[in-house]
Amino acid sequence: MGIAATETGPQDNPAGRAAWICLAIAWATFIIPFPGLGLFLGWPLNLVAFILAIVAMSRLGANAGLWQLLASLLVSPFVYFLGLVVFAGLLGAAGQS
């Protein structure tokens, strides 16, 4: 009578999904060989994804944003340096022709 029904299904995690979207866009800007794109657009998006992962973790528990947080901290620098290698390779190829 006075007991509220609780939801037993999986909880909606919009902050976690938004963090993945921000990470994907940030990683794309890291790979695109355009000077400054990754630095001035990619890293701020990575910061937004980091904050969204923390928001997801605070609302739904540690598992809700853990993978987004780890991807922001560990995968993003790797993708950024991979983009730098691609950019340096394109500059080297352009200098040879």
N, C-alpha and C. Protein backbone atom coordinates (compact mmCIF):
# COMPACT_ATOMS: atom_id res chain seq x y z
N MET A 1 0.80 -1.17 0.00
CA MET A 1 0.00 0.00 0.00
C MET A 1 0.86 1.26 0.00
N GLY A 2 1.75 1.42 0.98
CA GLY A 2 2.58 2.60 1.06
C GLY A 2 3.97 2.39 0.47
N ILE A 3 4.20 1.22 -0.13
CA ILE A 3 5.52 0.91 -0.66
C ILE A 3 5.57 1.30 -2.13
N ALA A 4 6.59 2.06 -2.50
CA ALA A 4 6.75 2.48 -3.89
C ALA A 4 7.41 1.36 -4.68
N ALA A 5 6.99 1.20 -5.90
CA ALA A 5 7.56 0.18 -6.77
C ALA A 5 8.93 0.63 -7.25
N THR A 6 9.88 -0.27 -7.25
CA THR A 6 11.22 0.06 -7.74
C THR A 6 11.43 -0.56 -9.10
N GLU A 7 12.23 0.09 -9.87
CA GLU A 7 12.52 -0.39 -11.22
C GLU A 7 13.64 -1.42 -11.14
N THR A 8 13.43 -2.59 -11.72
CA THR A 8 14.43 -3.65 -11.64
C THR A 8 15.24 -3.79 -12.92
N GLY A 9 14.84 -3.12 -13.97
CA GLY A 9 15.56 -3.20 -15.25
C GLY A 9 16.80 -2.32 -15.24
N PRO A 10 17.57 -2.37 -16.33
CA PRO A 10 18.77 -1.54 -16.40
C PRO A 10 18.40 -0.05 -16.43
N GLN A 11 19.20 0.74 -15.74
CA GLN A 11 18.93 2.17 -15.68
C GLN A 11 19.46 2.86 -16.91
N ASP A 12 18.78 3.92 -17.30
CA ASP A 12 19.18 4.72 -18.44
C ASP A 12 20.43 5.53 -18.07
N ASN A 13 21.40 5.59 -18.97
CA ASN A 13 22.66 6.27 -18.69
C ASN A 13 22.96 7.27 -19.80
N PRO A 14 22.25 8.41 -19.85
CA PRO A 14 22.51 9.38 -20.92
C PRO A 14 23.88 10.03 -20.82
N ALA A 15 24.40 10.22 -19.61
CA ALA A 15 25.73 10.83 -19.46
C ALA A 15 26.81 9.90 -20.01
N GLY A 16 26.64 8.61 -19.79
CA GLY A 16 27.60 7.63 -20.32
C GLY A 16 27.59 7.59 -21.84
N ARG A 17 26.40 7.62 -22.41
CA ARG A 17 26.30 7.64 -23.88
C ARG A 17 26.87 8.92 -24.47
N ALA A 18 26.61 10.03 -23.83
CA ALA A 18 27.14 11.31 -24.30
C ALA A 18 28.67 11.33 -24.19
N ALA A 19 29.20 10.68 -23.16
CA ALA A 19 30.66 10.60 -23.02
C ALA A 19 31.27 9.80 -24.17
N TRP A 20 30.63 8.68 -24.56
CA TRP A 20 31.14 7.90 -25.69
C TRP A 20 31.09 8.72 -26.98
N ILE A 21 30.02 9.48 -27.17
CA ILE A 21 29.90 10.30 -28.38
C ILE A 21 30.99 11.37 -28.41
N CYS A 22 31.21 12.02 -27.27
CA CYS A 22 32.27 13.04 -27.21
C CYS A 22 33.64 12.42 -27.46
N LEU A 23 33.87 11.23 -26.91
CA LEU A 23 35.15 10.56 -27.14
C LEU A 23 35.34 10.21 -28.61
N ALA A 24 34.29 9.72 -29.25
CA ALA A 24 34.40 9.37 -30.67
C ALA A 24 34.71 10.59 -31.52
N ILE A 25 34.06 11.70 -31.23
CA ILE A 25 34.33 12.93 -31.99
C ILE A 25 35.74 13.43 -31.70
N ALA A 26 36.15 13.36 -30.44
CA ALA A 26 37.50 13.79 -30.08
C ALA A 26 38.55 12.94 -30.78
N TRP A 27 38.36 11.62 -30.79
CA TRP A 27 39.31 10.73 -31.46
C TRP A 27 39.35 10.99 -32.95
N ALA A 28 38.20 11.31 -33.54
CA ALA A 28 38.19 11.64 -34.98
C ALA A 28 38.98 12.91 -35.24
N THR A 29 38.85 13.90 -34.36
CA THR A 29 39.62 15.13 -34.56
C THR A 29 41.11 14.90 -34.33
N PHE A 30 41.46 13.93 -33.51
CA PHE A 30 42.87 13.61 -33.30
C PHE A 30 43.49 12.99 -34.55
N ILE A 31 42.72 12.21 -35.27
CA ILE A 31 43.24 11.47 -36.43
C ILE A 31 43.26 12.34 -37.70
N ILE A 32 42.31 13.27 -37.82
CA ILE A 32 42.26 14.11 -39.02
C ILE A 32 43.51 14.98 -39.08
N PRO A 33 44.27 14.89 -40.16
CA PRO A 33 45.55 15.61 -40.23
C PRO A 33 45.38 17.09 -40.59
N PHE A 34 44.81 17.84 -39.70
CA PHE A 34 44.65 19.28 -39.87
C PHE A 34 45.29 19.95 -38.67
N PRO A 35 46.22 20.87 -38.87
CA PRO A 35 46.94 21.47 -37.74
C PRO A 35 46.02 22.16 -36.73
N GLY A 36 46.16 21.81 -35.47
CA GLY A 36 45.42 22.44 -34.39
C GLY A 36 44.05 21.88 -34.11
N LEU A 37 43.52 21.04 -34.99
CA LEU A 37 42.16 20.52 -34.80
C LEU A 37 42.07 19.65 -33.54
N GLY A 38 43.03 18.76 -33.38
CA GLY A 38 43.02 17.90 -32.20
C GLY A 38 43.31 18.66 -30.93
N LEU A 39 44.17 19.66 -31.03
CA LEU A 39 44.54 20.43 -29.84
C LEU A 39 43.43 21.36 -29.38
N PHE A 40 42.80 22.06 -30.31
CA PHE A 40 41.82 23.07 -29.93
C PHE A 40 40.37 22.58 -29.93
N LEU A 41 40.10 21.43 -30.53
CA LEU A 41 38.74 20.87 -30.50
C LEU A 41 38.72 19.50 -29.82
N GLY A 42 39.72 18.69 -30.10
CA GLY A 42 39.73 17.33 -29.57
C GLY A 42 39.93 17.26 -28.06
N TRP A 43 40.94 17.98 -27.55
CA TRP A 43 41.19 17.91 -26.11
C TRP A 43 40.07 18.51 -25.28
N PRO A 44 39.46 19.62 -25.67
CA PRO A 44 38.29 20.08 -24.90
C PRO A 44 37.13 19.07 -24.92
N LEU A 45 36.92 18.41 -26.05
CA LEU A 45 35.88 17.37 -26.10
C LEU A 45 36.26 16.19 -25.21
N ASN A 46 37.53 15.87 -25.14
CA ASN A 46 37.99 14.81 -24.26
C ASN A 46 37.73 15.20 -22.80
N LEU A 47 37.94 16.45 -22.45
CA LEU A 47 37.65 16.92 -21.10
C LEU A 47 36.17 16.82 -20.79
N VAL A 48 35.33 17.17 -21.75
CA VAL A 48 33.87 17.06 -21.57
C VAL A 48 33.49 15.60 -21.35
N ALA A 49 34.08 14.69 -22.12
CA ALA A 49 33.80 13.26 -21.94
C ALA A 49 34.25 12.78 -20.57
N PHE A 50 35.38 13.26 -20.10
CA PHE A 50 35.88 12.92 -18.77
C PHE A 50 34.89 13.37 -17.69
N ILE A 51 34.39 14.59 -17.82
CA ILE A 51 33.44 15.12 -16.84
C ILE A 51 32.12 14.36 -16.91
N LEU A 52 31.67 14.03 -18.12
CA LEU A 52 30.43 13.25 -18.26
C LEU A 52 30.58 11.86 -17.66
N ALA A 53 31.75 11.27 -17.78
CA ALA A 53 31.98 9.96 -17.16
C ALA A 53 31.89 10.06 -15.64
N ILE A 54 32.42 11.13 -15.08
CA ILE A 54 32.33 11.33 -13.63
C ILE A 54 30.88 11.54 -13.22
N VAL A 55 30.12 12.28 -14.02
CA VAL A 55 28.70 12.49 -13.72
C VAL A 55 27.95 11.16 -13.75
N ALA A 56 28.23 10.34 -14.75
CA ALA A 56 27.57 9.03 -14.84
C ALA A 56 27.93 8.16 -13.64
N MET A 57 29.19 8.22 -13.22
CA MET A 57 29.61 7.44 -12.07
C MET A 57 28.97 7.92 -10.78
N SER A 58 28.78 9.22 -10.65
CA SER A 58 28.19 9.75 -9.42
C SER A 58 26.69 9.45 -9.34
N ARG A 59 26.05 9.36 -10.47
CA ARG A 59 24.60 9.12 -10.46
C ARG A 59 24.23 7.65 -10.40
N LEU A 60 24.98 6.81 -11.13
CA LEU A 60 24.57 5.41 -11.26
C LEU A 60 25.57 4.41 -10.73
N GLY A 61 26.64 4.87 -10.13
CA GLY A 61 27.63 3.96 -9.59
C GLY A 61 28.88 3.92 -10.47
N ALA A 62 29.91 3.31 -9.92
CA ALA A 62 31.23 3.33 -10.57
C ALA A 62 31.23 2.66 -11.94
N ASN A 63 30.46 1.61 -12.13
CA ASN A 63 30.46 0.89 -13.41
C ASN A 63 29.82 1.68 -14.54
N ALA A 64 29.03 2.69 -14.22
CA ALA A 64 28.31 3.43 -15.26
C ALA A 64 29.23 4.29 -16.11
N GLY A 65 30.33 4.76 -15.57
CA GLY A 65 31.21 5.63 -16.34
C GLY A 65 32.67 5.23 -16.30
N LEU A 66 32.95 4.06 -15.77
CA LEU A 66 34.33 3.62 -15.60
C LEU A 66 35.07 3.48 -16.92
N TRP A 67 34.43 2.84 -17.90
CA TRP A 67 35.11 2.62 -19.19
C TRP A 67 35.31 3.92 -19.95
N GLN A 68 34.36 4.83 -19.85
CA GLN A 68 34.53 6.12 -20.50
C GLN A 68 35.68 6.91 -19.85
N LEU A 69 35.77 6.84 -18.52
CA LEU A 69 36.84 7.53 -17.81
C LEU A 69 38.20 6.96 -18.18
N LEU A 70 38.31 5.65 -18.21
CA LEU A 70 39.58 5.02 -18.58
C LEU A 70 39.95 5.30 -20.04
N ALA A 71 38.95 5.30 -20.91
CA ALA A 71 39.23 5.61 -22.32
C ALA A 71 39.69 7.05 -22.48
N SER A 72 39.10 7.95 -21.70
CA SER A 72 39.51 9.34 -21.76
C SER A 72 40.94 9.53 -21.28
N LEU A 73 41.32 8.80 -20.25
CA LEU A 73 42.65 8.95 -19.67
C LEU A 73 43.73 8.16 -20.40
N LEU A 74 43.40 6.98 -20.92
CA LEU A 74 44.42 6.09 -21.48
C LEU A 74 44.41 6.00 -23.00
N VAL A 75 43.25 5.94 -23.60
CA VAL A 75 43.15 5.75 -25.04
C VAL A 75 43.36 7.07 -25.79
N SER A 76 42.84 8.15 -25.25
CA SER A 76 42.93 9.44 -25.95
C SER A 76 44.37 9.90 -26.22
N PRO A 77 45.29 9.82 -25.26
CA PRO A 77 46.67 10.20 -25.60
C PRO A 77 47.28 9.31 -26.68
N PHE A 78 46.96 8.02 -26.66
CA PHE A 78 47.46 7.12 -27.69
C PHE A 78 46.94 7.51 -29.06
N VAL A 79 45.65 7.81 -29.16
CA VAL A 79 45.05 8.20 -30.44
C VAL A 79 45.62 9.55 -30.89
N TYR A 80 45.86 10.45 -29.94
CA TYR A 80 46.42 11.75 -30.29
C TYR A 80 47.82 11.58 -30.90
N PHE A 81 48.66 10.78 -30.26
CA PHE A 81 50.01 10.58 -30.80
C PHE A 81 49.99 9.79 -32.11
N LEU A 82 49.02 8.92 -32.27
CA LEU A 82 48.85 8.24 -33.55
C LEU A 82 48.50 9.26 -34.63
N GLY A 83 47.65 10.22 -34.31
CA GLY A 83 47.33 11.29 -35.25
C GLY A 83 48.54 12.15 -35.59
N LEU A 84 49.40 12.39 -34.60
CA LEU A 84 50.63 13.14 -34.86
C LEU A 84 51.54 12.37 -35.81
N VAL A 85 51.60 11.06 -35.66
CA VAL A 85 52.41 10.24 -36.57
C VAL A 85 51.84 10.29 -37.99
N VAL A 86 50.53 10.23 -38.11
CA VAL A 86 49.89 10.34 -39.43
C VAL A 86 50.20 11.70 -40.04
N PHE A 87 50.09 12.76 -39.25
CA PHE A 87 50.35 14.10 -39.75
C PHE A 87 51.82 14.26 -40.17
N ALA A 88 52.74 13.74 -39.35
CA ALA A 88 54.17 13.83 -39.71
C ALA A 88 54.46 13.00 -40.95
N GLY A 89 53.80 11.86 -41.10
CA GLY A 89 53.98 11.05 -42.31
C GLY A 89 53.49 11.76 -43.56
N LEU A 90 52.37 12.46 -43.44
CA LEU A 90 51.86 13.21 -44.57
C LEU A 90 52.76 14.39 -44.91
N LEU A 91 53.33 15.03 -43.90
CA LEU A 91 54.27 16.13 -44.17
C LEU A 91 55.54 15.60 -44.83
N GLY A 92 56.01 14.45 -44.38
CA GLY A 92 57.19 13.84 -45.00
C GLY A 92 56.94 13.43 -46.43
N ALA A 93 55.77 12.88 -46.68
CA ALA A 93 55.42 12.47 -48.05
C ALA A 93 55.26 13.70 -48.95
N ALA A 94 54.73 14.77 -48.43
CA ALA A 94 54.56 15.98 -49.23
C ALA A 94 55.90 16.65 -49.50
N GLY A 95 56.83 16.50 -48.56
CA GLY A 95 58.15 17.09 -48.77
C GLY A 95 59.00 16.36 -49.78
N GLN A 96 58.71 15.09 -50.01
CA GLN A 96 59.48 14.30 -50.97
C GLN A 96 59.01 14.51 -52.38
N SER A 97 57.82 14.99 -52.57
CA SER A 97 57.32 15.15 -53.95
C SER A 97 57.56 16.51 -54.50
